[in-house]
Amino acid sequence: MKSILGFFIFVALMVGFLLLFPGKKYPPIPADEFHKTGQDIASCMECHGTGKKYAMKKTHPPKFECFKCHEWPKKG
């Protein structure tokens, strides 16, 4: 009985931890004139591709699915 109670306490603590520390926050896509026009990966890579003026940092994960992490600003 004690082991079941301990298990439920452990699960509750883990759920609480995950809710309090949800993970990394990624910067949103800026709400400016440059970013209003493009809504696909190709338009992102025009400025953020390798060798471009605003290229992604070397530490950026090698995923070219921008909208998987970065979100459009909330309207309102």
N, C-alpha and C. Protein backbone atom coordinates (compact mmCIF):
# COMPACT_ATOMS: atom_id res chain seq x y z
N MET A 1 0.82 -1.20 0.00
CA MET A 1 0.00 0.00 0.00
C MET A 1 0.87 1.26 0.00
N LYS A 2 1.97 1.21 0.76
CA LYS A 2 2.85 2.37 0.81
C LYS A 2 3.50 2.63 -0.55
N SER A 3 3.81 1.57 -1.26
CA SER A 3 4.46 1.76 -2.56
C SER A 3 3.49 2.39 -3.58
N ILE A 4 2.23 2.06 -3.52
CA ILE A 4 1.24 2.66 -4.42
C ILE A 4 1.06 4.13 -4.09
N LEU A 5 0.98 4.45 -2.81
CA LEU A 5 0.85 5.85 -2.40
C LEU A 5 2.10 6.64 -2.82
N GLY A 6 3.26 6.06 -2.65
CA GLY A 6 4.51 6.71 -3.06
C GLY A 6 4.54 6.94 -4.56
N PHE A 7 4.04 5.97 -5.32
CA PHE A 7 4.00 6.10 -6.78
C PHE A 7 3.10 7.27 -7.18
N PHE A 8 1.91 7.37 -6.57
CA PHE A 8 1.00 8.47 -6.91
C PHE A 8 1.57 9.83 -6.50
N ILE A 9 2.28 9.89 -5.41
CA ILE A 9 2.93 11.13 -5.01
C ILE A 9 4.01 11.50 -6.02
N PHE A 10 4.79 10.52 -6.44
CA PHE A 10 5.82 10.74 -7.45
C PHE A 10 5.22 11.25 -8.76
N VAL A 11 4.16 10.63 -9.22
CA VAL A 11 3.49 11.05 -10.46
C VAL A 11 2.96 12.47 -10.31
N ALA A 12 2.35 12.80 -9.18
CA ALA A 12 1.81 14.14 -8.96
C ALA A 12 2.94 15.17 -8.97
N LEU A 13 4.07 14.85 -8.36
CA LEU A 13 5.21 15.77 -8.36
C LEU A 13 5.76 15.97 -9.77
N MET A 14 5.84 14.91 -10.54
CA MET A 14 6.35 15.02 -11.91
C MET A 14 5.41 15.86 -12.79
N VAL A 15 4.12 15.64 -12.66
CA VAL A 15 3.14 16.43 -13.43
C VAL A 15 3.24 17.90 -13.03
N GLY A 16 3.35 18.16 -11.73
CA GLY A 16 3.51 19.54 -11.26
C GLY A 16 4.77 20.18 -11.80
N PHE A 17 5.87 19.44 -11.80
CA PHE A 17 7.14 19.95 -12.33
C PHE A 17 7.00 20.28 -13.81
N LEU A 18 6.38 19.40 -14.58
CA LEU A 18 6.24 19.63 -16.01
C LEU A 18 5.31 20.81 -16.32
N LEU A 19 4.35 21.05 -15.47
CA LEU A 19 3.46 22.19 -15.68
C LEU A 19 4.14 23.51 -15.31
N LEU A 20 4.99 23.47 -14.31
CA LEU A 20 5.68 24.69 -13.88
C LEU A 20 6.84 25.05 -14.81
N PHE A 21 7.48 24.06 -15.39
CA PHE A 21 8.63 24.28 -16.26
C PHE A 21 8.34 23.65 -17.62
N PRO A 22 7.53 24.34 -18.45
CA PRO A 22 7.08 23.72 -19.70
C PRO A 22 8.14 23.55 -20.77
N GLY A 23 9.27 24.17 -20.64
CA GLY A 23 10.30 24.00 -21.65
C GLY A 23 10.78 25.33 -22.19
N LYS A 24 11.51 25.26 -23.27
CA LYS A 24 12.12 26.44 -23.85
C LYS A 24 11.08 27.29 -24.58
N LYS A 25 11.21 28.58 -24.43
CA LYS A 25 10.36 29.52 -25.15
C LYS A 25 11.12 30.02 -26.37
N TYR A 26 10.51 29.91 -27.52
CA TYR A 26 11.15 30.33 -28.75
C TYR A 26 10.68 31.74 -29.11
N PRO A 27 11.55 32.54 -29.70
CA PRO A 27 11.12 33.90 -30.05
C PRO A 27 10.03 33.86 -31.12
N PRO A 28 9.02 34.73 -30.96
CA PRO A 28 7.97 34.77 -31.98
C PRO A 28 8.47 35.43 -33.25
N ILE A 29 7.73 35.22 -34.32
CA ILE A 29 8.04 35.89 -35.58
C ILE A 29 7.66 37.35 -35.40
N PRO A 30 8.54 38.29 -35.72
CA PRO A 30 8.23 39.70 -35.52
C PRO A 30 7.01 40.15 -36.32
N ALA A 31 6.27 41.09 -35.74
CA ALA A 31 5.08 41.63 -36.41
C ALA A 31 5.46 42.92 -37.14
N ASP A 32 6.36 42.80 -38.10
CA ASP A 32 6.78 43.97 -38.87
C ASP A 32 6.47 43.76 -40.35
N GLU A 33 6.77 44.76 -41.14
CA GLU A 33 6.45 44.71 -42.57
C GLU A 33 7.18 43.58 -43.32
N PHE A 34 8.41 43.30 -42.93
CA PHE A 34 9.18 42.25 -43.61
C PHE A 34 8.57 40.87 -43.41
N HIS A 35 8.02 40.62 -42.25
CA HIS A 35 7.52 39.29 -41.93
C HIS A 35 6.03 39.10 -42.25
N LYS A 36 5.34 40.18 -42.59
CA LYS A 36 3.92 40.06 -42.93
C LYS A 36 3.69 39.37 -44.26
N THR A 37 4.66 39.53 -45.19
CA THR A 37 4.45 39.01 -46.54
C THR A 37 4.71 37.51 -46.66
N GLY A 38 5.69 36.99 -45.96
CA GLY A 38 6.06 35.59 -46.12
C GLY A 38 5.44 34.69 -45.08
N GLN A 39 4.83 33.62 -45.55
CA GLN A 39 4.26 32.66 -44.62
C GLN A 39 4.64 31.24 -45.01
N ASP A 40 5.81 31.11 -45.62
CA ASP A 40 6.31 29.78 -45.95
C ASP A 40 7.81 29.73 -45.67
N ILE A 41 8.36 28.54 -45.66
CA ILE A 41 9.76 28.33 -45.32
C ILE A 41 10.69 29.03 -46.32
N ALA A 42 10.34 29.01 -47.60
CA ALA A 42 11.18 29.62 -48.62
C ALA A 42 11.35 31.11 -48.37
N SER A 43 10.28 31.79 -47.96
CA SER A 43 10.40 33.23 -47.70
C SER A 43 11.25 33.48 -46.46
N CYS A 44 11.23 32.59 -45.48
CA CYS A 44 12.10 32.73 -44.30
C CYS A 44 13.57 32.61 -44.70
N MET A 45 13.85 31.64 -45.57
CA MET A 45 15.23 31.37 -45.96
C MET A 45 15.83 32.46 -46.84
N GLU A 46 14.99 33.33 -47.43
CA GLU A 46 15.52 34.44 -48.22
C GLU A 46 16.39 35.36 -47.37
N CYS A 47 16.08 35.49 -46.10
CA CYS A 47 16.88 36.33 -45.18
C CYS A 47 17.65 35.52 -44.15
N HIS A 48 17.10 34.37 -43.76
CA HIS A 48 17.68 33.60 -42.66
C HIS A 48 18.46 32.36 -43.10
N GLY A 49 18.61 32.18 -44.40
CA GLY A 49 19.36 31.04 -44.93
C GLY A 49 20.87 31.22 -44.76
N THR A 50 21.61 30.19 -45.03
CA THR A 50 23.07 30.22 -44.92
C THR A 50 23.67 31.30 -45.81
N GLY A 51 24.54 32.12 -45.22
CA GLY A 51 25.21 33.17 -45.97
C GLY A 51 24.40 34.45 -46.15
N LYS A 52 23.19 34.49 -45.65
CA LYS A 52 22.35 35.68 -45.78
C LYS A 52 22.64 36.66 -44.65
N LYS A 53 22.12 37.87 -44.77
CA LYS A 53 22.40 38.92 -43.78
C LYS A 53 21.94 38.53 -42.38
N TYR A 54 20.77 37.92 -42.25
CA TYR A 54 20.23 37.52 -40.95
C TYR A 54 20.20 35.99 -40.83
N ALA A 55 21.29 35.37 -41.20
CA ALA A 55 21.37 33.90 -41.19
C ALA A 55 21.17 33.35 -39.79
N MET A 56 20.62 32.13 -39.73
CA MET A 56 20.46 31.47 -38.44
C MET A 56 21.84 31.24 -37.82
N LYS A 57 21.89 31.27 -36.50
CA LYS A 57 23.15 31.04 -35.80
C LYS A 57 23.60 29.60 -36.01
N LYS A 58 24.87 29.38 -35.80
CA LYS A 58 25.44 28.03 -35.94
C LYS A 58 24.81 27.07 -34.93
N THR A 59 24.33 27.59 -33.81
CA THR A 59 23.74 26.75 -32.77
C THR A 59 22.27 26.42 -33.03
N HIS A 60 21.69 27.01 -34.08
CA HIS A 60 20.28 26.74 -34.40
C HIS A 60 20.13 25.28 -34.83
N PRO A 61 19.11 24.59 -34.33
CA PRO A 61 18.91 23.21 -34.76
C PRO A 61 18.75 23.13 -36.28
N PRO A 62 19.21 22.06 -36.89
CA PRO A 62 19.15 21.96 -38.35
C PRO A 62 17.78 21.60 -38.90
N LYS A 63 16.76 22.19 -38.34
CA LYS A 63 15.41 21.92 -38.84
C LYS A 63 14.93 23.16 -39.57
N PHE A 64 14.43 22.96 -40.74
CA PHE A 64 13.94 24.07 -41.52
C PHE A 64 12.41 24.05 -41.55
N GLU A 65 11.86 23.87 -40.38
CA GLU A 65 10.42 23.91 -40.17
C GLU A 65 10.15 25.05 -39.21
N CYS A 66 10.27 26.27 -39.69
CA CYS A 66 10.23 27.46 -38.86
C CYS A 66 9.00 27.51 -37.95
N PHE A 67 7.85 27.16 -38.50
CA PHE A 67 6.59 27.34 -37.79
C PHE A 67 6.33 26.23 -36.77
N LYS A 68 7.23 25.28 -36.68
CA LYS A 68 7.10 24.24 -35.67
C LYS A 68 7.46 24.82 -34.30
N CYS A 69 8.41 25.76 -34.26
CA CYS A 69 8.85 26.37 -33.01
C CYS A 69 8.44 27.83 -32.90
N HIS A 70 8.61 28.57 -33.99
CA HIS A 70 8.32 30.00 -33.97
C HIS A 70 6.88 30.25 -34.39
N GLU A 71 6.19 31.09 -33.61
CA GLU A 71 4.77 31.35 -33.87
C GLU A 71 4.58 32.79 -34.35
N TRP A 72 3.48 32.99 -35.08
CA TRP A 72 3.11 34.33 -35.48
C TRP A 72 2.61 35.05 -34.25
N PRO A 73 2.80 36.37 -34.17
CA PRO A 73 2.32 37.14 -33.00
C PRO A 73 0.81 37.02 -32.86
N LYS A 74 0.37 37.05 -31.62
CA LYS A 74 -1.07 36.98 -31.34
C LYS A 74 -1.72 38.29 -31.78
N LYS A 75 -2.84 38.16 -32.46
CA LYS A 75 -3.58 39.36 -32.88
C LYS A 75 -4.52 39.76 -31.75
N GLY A 76 -4.55 41.05 -31.51
CA GLY A 76 -5.50 41.48 -30.48
C GLY A 76 -5.10 42.66 -29.75
